[in-house]
């Protein structure tokens, strides 16, 4: 069987689960006025999507993926992004191909419109590509009025954190201290926690400077791996200031 974008959709639809399709909209907040408003679900688990993505990883080109990225189905878009990650991580991939994938990604951020879509792809593509390049692109994502571009900005830095570079992450966490959305508080707190796993003193320095400004969710995520007594200290400090 020739693997095409049409057969990919057919295979995904064979895996749909009506029960999960009813649950997922609540989990991904796709109701009226919620952050994922209007998204449609087939009810397919991520492990099954990863299997399909691996199968199709080198059978579809960017023109095919562009069509799939515009799908109304959440799982089709996630599978497309997983394929894109596979293609980007191809051994001995040419730099020109990487550049095309990055351009594709940045041109399609309006379809990368829920937290799982961002978290499965941003660091693996943008983070890797820009690690040793000019990082000014992130300012546009940071300053965007779009929640998901903001989350792409902070999640992109996860790659840099794993490489031991924290400057951009700290800067973004400071910038997002007053962000109105809980999903950014969670993401920034998560990235601070990851920094703390690698350099506890940098995390503590950030906390000392910003604990009174930090949204409570951001603080809780950031201190999650600290000893219980120290977590309580930071929470109490937040409470009384």
C-alpha atoms as a PDB file:
ATOM      1  CA  UNK A   1       0.000   0.000   0.000  1.00  0.00           C
ATOM      2  CA  UNK A   2       1.311   3.401  -0.961  1.00  0.00           C
ATOM      3  CA  UNK A   3       1.476   5.678   2.057  1.00  0.00           C
ATOM      4  CA  UNK A   4      -0.256   8.962   1.334  1.00  0.00           C
ATOM      5  CA  UNK A   5      -1.907  11.714   3.321  1.00  0.00           C
ATOM      6  CA  UNK A   6      -5.257  10.101   2.498  1.00  0.00           C
ATOM      7  CA  UNK A   7      -4.236   6.680   3.811  1.00  0.00           C
ATOM      8  CA  UNK A   8      -2.858   8.321   6.956  1.00  0.00           C
ATOM      9  CA  UNK A   9      -6.246   9.866   7.689  1.00  0.00           C
ATOM     10  CA  UNK A  10      -7.940   6.538   6.961  1.00  0.00           C
ATOM     11  CA  UNK A  11      -5.646   4.722   9.384  1.00  0.00           C
ATOM     12  CA  UNK A  12      -6.195   7.305  12.094  1.00  0.00           C
ATOM     13  CA  UNK A  13      -9.971   7.128  11.682  1.00  0.00           C
ATOM     14  CA  UNK A  14      -9.853   3.343  12.110  1.00  0.00           C
ATOM     15  CA  UNK A  15      -8.316   3.973  15.544  1.00  0.00           C
ATOM     16  CA  UNK A  16     -10.947   6.449  16.692  1.00  0.00           C
ATOM     17  CA  UNK A  17     -12.670   5.812  19.998  1.00  0.00           C
ATOM     18  CA  UNK A  18     -16.080   7.477  20.448  1.00  0.00           C
ATOM     19  CA  UNK A  19     -15.837   7.310  24.238  1.00  0.00           C
ATOM     20  CA  UNK A  20     -12.472   9.079  24.290  1.00  0.00           C
ATOM     21  CA  UNK A  21     -13.733  11.516  21.663  1.00  0.00           C
ATOM     22  CA  UNK A  22     -16.307  12.668  24.217  1.00  0.00           C
ATOM     23  CA  UNK A  23     -13.745  12.963  27.022  1.00  0.00           C
ATOM     24  CA  UNK A  24     -10.949  14.738  25.143  1.00  0.00           C
ATOM     25  CA  UNK A  25     -12.836  18.022  24.563  1.00  0.00           C
ATOM     26  CA  UNK A  26     -13.141  18.451  28.324  1.00  0.00           C
ATOM     27  CA  UNK A  27      -9.488  17.560  28.854  1.00  0.00           C
ATOM     28  CA  UNK A  28      -8.264  19.967  26.159  1.00  0.00           C
ATOM     29  CA  UNK A  29     -10.789  22.696  27.016  1.00  0.00           C
ATOM     30  CA  UNK A  30     -12.407  22.969  23.603  1.00  0.00           C
ATOM     31  CA  UNK A  31     -15.777  24.268  24.803  1.00  0.00           C
ATOM     32  CA  UNK A  32     -17.158  27.769  24.105  1.00  0.00           C
ATOM     33  CA  UNK A  33     -14.870  30.435  25.541  1.00  0.00           C
ATOM     34  CA  UNK A  34     -12.159  27.927  26.511  1.00  0.00           C
ATOM     35  CA  UNK A  35      -8.588  28.009  25.231  1.00  0.00           C
ATOM     36  CA  UNK A  36      -9.125  25.146  22.759  1.00  0.00           C
ATOM     37  CA  UNK A  37     -12.516  26.333  21.590  1.00  0.00           C
ATOM     38  CA  UNK A  38     -13.817  24.560  18.502  1.00  0.00           C
ATOM     39  CA  UNK A  39     -11.249  21.762  18.345  1.00  0.00           C
ATOM     40  CA  UNK A  40     -12.581  18.392  17.146  1.00  0.00           C
ATOM     41  CA  UNK A  41     -11.354  15.008  18.397  1.00  0.00           C
ATOM     42  CA  UNK A  42     -11.349  11.456  17.079  1.00  0.00           C
ATOM     43  CA  UNK A  43     -10.412   9.984  20.459  1.00  0.00           C
ATOM     44  CA  UNK A  44      -7.036   8.455  19.488  1.00  0.00           C
ATOM     45  CA  UNK A  45      -4.338   7.873  22.099  1.00  0.00           C
ATOM     46  CA  UNK A  46      -0.920   9.472  21.672  1.00  0.00           C
ATOM     47  CA  UNK A  47       0.955   6.116  21.546  1.00  0.00           C
ATOM     48  CA  UNK A  48      -1.184   5.096  18.560  1.00  0.00           C
ATOM     49  CA  UNK A  49      -0.519   8.434  16.901  1.00  0.00           C
ATOM     50  CA  UNK A  50       3.216   7.935  17.408  1.00  0.00           C
ATOM     51  CA  UNK A  51       3.018   4.556  15.667  1.00  0.00           C
ATOM     52  CA  UNK A  52       1.282   6.112  12.675  1.00  0.00           C
ATOM     53  CA  UNK A  53       3.712   9.042  12.616  1.00  0.00           C
ATOM     54  CA  UNK A  54       6.725   6.728  12.570  1.00  0.00           C
ATOM     55  CA  UNK A  55       5.177   4.678   9.762  1.00  0.00           C
ATOM     56  CA  UNK A  56       4.564   7.750   7.584  1.00  0.00           C
ATOM     57  CA  UNK A  57       7.598   9.798   8.639  1.00  0.00           C
ATOM     58  CA  UNK A  58       9.460   9.539   5.339  1.00  0.00           C
ATOM     59  CA  UNK A  59       6.582   9.037   2.926  1.00  0.00           C
ATOM     60  CA  UNK A  60       5.050  12.519   3.038  1.00  0.00           C
ATOM     61  CA  UNK A  61       6.535  15.806   1.900  1.00  0.00           C
ATOM     62  CA  UNK A  62       5.898  19.281   3.271  1.00  0.00           C
ATOM     63  CA  UNK A  63       3.084  19.863   0.763  1.00  0.00           C
ATOM     64  CA  UNK A  64       1.284  16.827   2.168  1.00  0.00           C
ATOM     65  CA  UNK A  65       1.963  17.932   5.728  1.00  0.00           C
ATOM     66  CA  UNK A  66       0.653  21.422   4.980  1.00  0.00           C
ATOM     67  CA  UNK A  67      -2.720  19.964   4.041  1.00  0.00           C
ATOM     68  CA  UNK A  68      -2.743  17.717   7.111  1.00  0.00           C
ATOM     69  CA  UNK A  69      -1.843  20.636   9.393  1.00  0.00           C
ATOM     70  CA  UNK A  70      -5.091  22.371   8.487  1.00  0.00           C
ATOM     71  CA  UNK A  71      -7.211  19.384   9.527  1.00  0.00           C
ATOM     72  CA  UNK A  72     -10.081  20.110  11.919  1.00  0.00           C
ATOM     73  CA  UNK A  73      -9.087  16.971  13.832  1.00  0.00           C
ATOM     74  CA  UNK A  74      -6.711  17.519  16.712  1.00  0.00           C
ATOM     75  CA  UNK A  75      -5.126  14.092  16.329  1.00  0.00           C
ATOM     76  CA  UNK A  76      -4.349  14.640  12.659  1.00  0.00           C
ATOM     77  CA  UNK A  77      -2.501  17.845  13.524  1.00  0.00           C
ATOM     78  CA  UNK A  78      -0.581  16.185  16.356  1.00  0.00           C
ATOM     79  CA  UNK A  79       0.365  13.240  14.140  1.00  0.00           C
ATOM     80  CA  UNK A  80       1.538  15.720  11.501  1.00  0.00           C
ATOM     81  CA  UNK A  81       3.766  17.448  14.035  1.00  0.00           C
ATOM     82  CA  UNK A  82       5.151  14.102  15.186  1.00  0.00           C
ATOM     83  CA  UNK A  83       6.001  13.327  11.560  1.00  0.00           C
ATOM     84  CA  UNK A  84       7.675  16.722  11.254  1.00  0.00           C
ATOM     85  CA  UNK A  85       9.807  15.950  14.319  1.00  0.00           C
ATOM     86  CA  UNK A  86      10.767  12.573  12.818  1.00  0.00           C
ATOM     87  CA  UNK A  87      11.793  14.261   9.583  1.00  0.00           C
ATOM     88  CA  UNK A  88      13.762  16.938  11.407  1.00  0.00           C
ATOM     89  CA  UNK A  89      15.611  14.319  13.464  1.00  0.00           C
ATOM     90  CA  UNK A  90      16.579  12.255  10.408  1.00  0.00           C
ATOM     91  CA  UNK A  91      20.215  11.201  10.630  1.00  0.00           C
ATOM     92  CA  UNK A  92      22.525  13.353   8.478  1.00  0.00           C
ATOM     93  CA  UNK A  93      19.682  15.661   7.447  1.00  0.00           C
ATOM     94  CA  UNK A  94      20.856  18.557   5.296  1.00  0.00           C
ATOM     95  CA  UNK A  95      20.813  22.020   6.864  1.00  0.00           C
ATOM     96  CA  UNK A  96      18.626  23.277   4.016  1.00  0.00           C
ATOM     97  CA  UNK A  97      15.997  20.659   4.872  1.00  0.00           C
ATOM     98  CA  UNK A  98      16.094  21.665   8.528  1.00  0.00           C
ATOM     99  CA  UNK A  99      15.596  25.271   7.493  1.00  0.00           C
ATOM    100  CA  UNK A 100      12.526  24.360   5.429  1.00  0.00           C
ATOM    101  CA  UNK A 101      11.002  22.425   8.333  1.00  0.00           C
ATOM    102  CA  UNK A 102      11.599  25.352  10.700  1.00  0.00           C
ATOM    103  CA  UNK A 103      10.045  27.776   8.235  1.00  0.00           C
ATOM    104  CA  UNK A 104       7.080  25.423   7.849  1.00  0.00           C
ATOM    105  CA  UNK A 105       6.667  25.273  11.620  1.00  0.00           C
ATOM    106  CA  UNK A 106       6.768  29.033  12.126  1.00  0.00           C
ATOM    107  CA  UNK A 107       4.335  29.560   9.232  1.00  0.00           C
ATOM    108  CA  UNK A 108       1.833  27.183  10.828  1.00  0.00           C
ATOM    109  CA  UNK A 109       1.708  28.292  14.447  1.00  0.00           C
ATOM    110  CA  UNK A 110      -2.002  29.080  14.155  1.00  0.00           C
ATOM    111  CA  UNK A 111      -2.618  25.338  13.802  1.00  0.00           C
ATOM    112  CA  UNK A 112      -0.307  24.448  16.713  1.00  0.00           C
ATOM    113  CA  UNK A 113      -3.103  25.529  18.972  1.00  0.00           C
ATOM    114  CA  UNK A 114      -3.127  23.436  22.126  1.00  0.00           C
ATOM    115  CA  UNK A 115      -0.575  22.648  24.797  1.00  0.00           C
ATOM    116  CA  UNK A 116       0.140  19.069  23.693  1.00  0.00           C
ATOM    117  CA  UNK A 117       0.815  20.167  20.123  1.00  0.00           C
ATOM    118  CA  UNK A 118       3.325  22.739  21.352  1.00  0.00           C
ATOM    119  CA  UNK A 119       4.959  20.493  23.928  1.00  0.00           C
ATOM    120  CA  UNK A 120       5.502  17.622  21.474  1.00  0.00           C
ATOM    121  CA  UNK A 121       7.357  19.738  18.951  1.00  0.00           C
ATOM    122  CA  UNK A 122       8.702  23.197  19.853  1.00  0.00           C
ATOM    123  CA  UNK A 123      11.923  22.227  21.630  1.00  0.00           C
ATOM    124  CA  UNK A 124      12.645  19.378  19.224  1.00  0.00           C
ATOM    125  CA  UNK A 125      12.467  21.586  16.146  1.00  0.00           C
ATOM    126  CA  UNK A 126      12.920  25.258  17.027  1.00  0.00           C
ATOM    127  CA  UNK A 127      15.000  24.571  20.117  1.00  0.00           C
ATOM    128  CA  UNK A 128      17.494  22.384  18.291  1.00  0.00           C
ATOM    129  CA  UNK A 129      17.662  24.542  15.187  1.00  0.00           C
ATOM    130  CA  UNK A 130      18.275  27.840  16.977  1.00  0.00           C
ATOM    131  CA  UNK A 131      20.569  26.512  19.700  1.00  0.00           C
ATOM    132  CA  UNK A 132      23.693  27.897  18.032  1.00  0.00           C
ATOM    133  CA  UNK A 133      21.952  30.562  15.951  1.00  0.00           C
ATOM    134  CA  UNK A 134      20.575  34.032  16.517  1.00  0.00           C
ATOM    135  CA  UNK A 135      17.631  33.706  18.875  1.00  0.00           C
ATOM    136  CA  UNK A 136      15.920  37.023  18.188  1.00  0.00           C
ATOM    137  CA  UNK A 137      13.055  35.135  16.491  1.00  0.00           C
ATOM    138  CA  UNK A 138      11.782  34.278  19.942  1.00  0.00           C
ATOM    139  CA  UNK A 139      10.987  37.924  20.686  1.00  0.00           C
ATOM    140  CA  UNK A 140       8.204  37.873  18.089  1.00  0.00           C
ATOM    141  CA  UNK A 141       6.680  34.771  19.675  1.00  0.00           C
ATOM    142  CA  UNK A 142       7.091  36.247  23.152  1.00  0.00           C
ATOM    143  CA  UNK A 143       5.399  39.518  22.191  1.00  0.00           C
ATOM    144  CA  UNK A 144       2.562  37.852  20.306  1.00  0.00           C
ATOM    145  CA  UNK A 145      -1.012  38.206  21.511  1.00  0.00           C
ATOM    146  CA  UNK A 146      -1.466  34.523  20.722  1.00  0.00           C
ATOM    147  CA  UNK A 147      -1.322  32.221  23.761  1.00  0.00           C
ATOM    148  CA  UNK A 148       0.152  29.339  21.781  1.00  0.00           C
ATOM    149  CA  UNK A 149       2.967  31.390  20.272  1.00  0.00           C
ATOM    150  CA  UNK A 150       3.825  32.469  23.819  1.00  0.00           C
ATOM    151  CA  UNK A 151       3.937  28.827  24.895  1.00  0.00           C
ATOM    152  CA  UNK A 152       6.018  27.904  21.842  1.00  0.00           C
ATOM    153  CA  UNK A 153       8.523  30.566  22.917  1.00  0.00           C
ATOM    154  CA  UNK A 154       9.027  29.190  26.430  1.00  0.00           C
ATOM    155  CA  UNK A 155       8.902  25.502  25.406  1.00  0.00           C
ATOM    156  CA  UNK A 156      11.476  26.103  22.681  1.00  0.00           C
ATOM    157  CA  UNK A 157      13.997  26.831  25.438  1.00  0.00           C
ATOM    158  CA  UNK A 158      13.598  23.345  26.934  1.00  0.00           C
ATOM    159  CA  UNK A 159      16.214  22.147  24.438  1.00  0.00           C
ATOM    160  CA  UNK A 160      18.611  24.859  25.582  1.00  0.00           C
ATOM    161  CA  UNK A 161      17.981  23.997  29.236  1.00  0.00           C
ATOM    162  CA  UNK A 162      18.954  20.385  28.556  1.00  0.00           C
ATOM    163  CA  UNK A 163      22.174  21.713  27.036  1.00  0.00           C
ATOM    164  CA  UNK A 164      22.890  23.741  30.172  1.00  0.00           C
ATOM    165  CA  UNK A 165      21.997  27.204  28.857  1.00  0.00           C
ATOM    166  CA  UNK A 166      19.384  29.085  30.873  1.00  0.00           C
ATOM    167  CA  UNK A 167      19.640  32.774  29.931  1.00  0.00           C
ATOM    168  CA  UNK A 168      16.771  32.895  27.443  1.00  0.00           C
ATOM    169  CA  UNK A 169      14.502  30.839  29.691  1.00  0.00           C
ATOM    170  CA  UNK A 170      15.086  33.126  32.672  1.00  0.00           C
ATOM    171  CA  UNK A 171      14.428  36.178  30.513  1.00  0.00           C
ATOM    172  CA  UNK A 172      11.146  34.728  29.242  1.00  0.00           C
ATOM    173  CA  UNK A 173      10.052  33.710  32.736  1.00  0.00           C
ATOM    174  CA  UNK A 174      10.631  37.281  33.896  1.00  0.00           C
ATOM    175  CA  UNK A 175       8.732  38.646  30.900  1.00  0.00           C
ATOM    176  CA  UNK A 176       5.783  36.315  31.520  1.00  0.00           C
ATOM    177  CA  UNK A 177       5.471  37.054  35.255  1.00  0.00           C
ATOM    178  CA  UNK A 178       2.319  39.055  34.571  1.00  0.00           C
ATOM    179  CA  UNK A 179       0.956  36.883  31.782  1.00  0.00           C
ATOM    180  CA  UNK A 180      -2.804  36.491  32.195  1.00  0.00           C
ATOM    181  CA  UNK A 181      -3.072  32.796  31.336  1.00  0.00           C
ATOM    182  CA  UNK A 182      -2.574  29.815  33.614  1.00  0.00           C
ATOM    183  CA  UNK A 183      -1.076  27.726  30.789  1.00  0.00           C
ATOM    184  CA  UNK A 184       1.874  30.115  30.605  1.00  0.00           C
ATOM    185  CA  UNK A 185       2.227  30.067  34.395  1.00  0.00           C
ATOM    186  CA  UNK A 186       2.442  26.262  34.209  1.00  0.00           C
ATOM    187  CA  UNK A 187       4.943  26.322  31.340  1.00  0.00           C
ATOM    188  CA  UNK A 188       7.239  28.891  32.929  1.00  0.00           C
ATOM    189  CA  UNK A 189       7.095  27.119  36.286  1.00  0.00           C
ATOM    190  CA  UNK A 190       7.903  23.836  34.566  1.00  0.00           C
ATOM    191  CA  UNK A 191      10.927  25.313  32.802  1.00  0.00           C
ATOM    192  CA  UNK A 192      12.159  26.866  36.055  1.00  0.00           C
ATOM    193  CA  UNK A 193      11.834  23.458  37.705  1.00  0.00           C
ATOM    194  CA  UNK A 194      13.931  21.957  34.897  1.00  0.00           C
ATOM    195  CA  UNK A 195      16.583  24.612  35.464  1.00  0.00           C
ATOM    196  CA  UNK A 196      16.522  23.806  39.181  1.00  0.00           C
ATOM    197  CA  UNK A 197      17.229  20.143  38.447  1.00  0.00           C
ATOM    198  CA  UNK A 198      20.444  21.222  36.760  1.00  0.00           C
ATOM    199  CA  UNK A 199      21.428  24.293  38.773  1.00  0.00           C
ATOM    200  CA  UNK A 200      19.529  24.807  42.003  1.00  0.00           C
ATOM    201  CA  UNK A 201      21.221  28.100  42.782  1.00  0.00           C
ATOM    202  CA  UNK A 202      19.904  29.722  39.615  1.00  0.00           C
ATOM    203  CA  UNK A 203      16.369  28.643  40.504  1.00  0.00           C
ATOM    204  CA  UNK A 204      16.761  29.998  44.048  1.00  0.00           C
ATOM    205  CA  UNK A 205      18.123  33.286  42.706  1.00  0.00           C
ATOM    206  CA  UNK A 206      15.049  33.634  40.506  1.00  0.00           C
ATOM    207  CA  UNK A 207      12.754  32.830  43.423  1.00  0.00           C
ATOM    208  CA  UNK A 208      14.441  35.363  45.705  1.00  0.00           C
ATOM    209  CA  UNK A 209      14.038  38.078  43.098  1.00  0.00           C
ATOM    210  CA  UNK A 210      10.515  37.291  41.935  1.00  0.00           C
ATOM    211  CA  UNK A 211       8.597  35.126  44.415  1.00  0.00           C
ATOM    212  CA  UNK A 212       6.237  37.943  45.396  1.00  0.00           C
ATOM    213  CA  UNK A 213       5.361  38.614  41.733  1.00  0.00           C
ATOM    214  CA  UNK A 214       5.077  35.009  40.586  1.00  0.00           C
ATOM    215  CA  UNK A 215       1.588  33.648  39.951  1.00  0.00           C
ATOM    216  CA  UNK A 216       0.939  30.914  42.487  1.00  0.00           C
ATOM    217  CA  UNK A 217       0.699  28.224  39.788  1.00  0.00           C
ATOM    218  CA  UNK A 218       4.068  29.258  38.368  1.00  0.00           C
ATOM    219  CA  UNK A 219       5.604  29.104  41.839  1.00  0.00           C
ATOM    220  CA  UNK A 220       4.124  25.695  42.645  1.00  0.00           C
ATOM    221  CA  UNK A 221       5.441  24.197  39.426  1.00  0.00           C
ATOM    222  CA  UNK A 222       8.881  25.772  39.921  1.00  0.00           C
ATOM    223  CA  UNK A 223       9.382  24.413  43.457  1.00  0.00           C
ATOM    224  CA  UNK A 224       7.762  21.016  42.923  1.00  0.00           C
ATOM    225  CA  UNK A 225      11.023  19.075  43.253  1.00  0.00           C
ATOM    226  CA  UNK A 226      12.337  20.948  46.289  1.00  0.00           C
ATOM    227  CA  UNK A 227      12.212  19.332  49.742  1.00  0.00           C
ATOM    228  CA  UNK A 228       8.793  19.758  51.460  1.00  0.00           C
ATOM    229  CA  UNK A 229      10.157  22.147  54.102  1.00  0.00           C
ATOM    230  CA  UNK A 230      11.674  24.430  51.483  1.00  0.00           C
ATOM    231  CA  UNK A 231       8.540  24.331  49.337  1.00  0.00           C
ATOM    232  CA  UNK A 232       6.526  25.457  52.354  1.00  0.00           C
ATOM    233  CA  UNK A 233       8.990  28.273  53.002  1.00  0.00           C
ATOM    234  CA  UNK A 234       8.518  29.712  49.512  1.00  0.00           C
ATOM    235  CA  UNK A 235       4.746  29.308  49.610  1.00  0.00           C
ATOM    236  CA  UNK A 236       4.536  30.981  53.000  1.00  0.00           C
ATOM    237  CA  UNK A 237       6.755  33.805  51.792  1.00  0.00           C
ATOM    238  CA  UNK A 238       4.434  34.288  48.845  1.00  0.00           C
ATOM    239  CA  UNK A 239       1.407  34.241  51.128  1.00  0.00           C
ATOM    240  CA  UNK A 240       2.582  37.013  53.456  1.00  0.00           C
ATOM    241  CA  UNK A 241       3.913  39.372  50.776  1.00  0.00           C
END
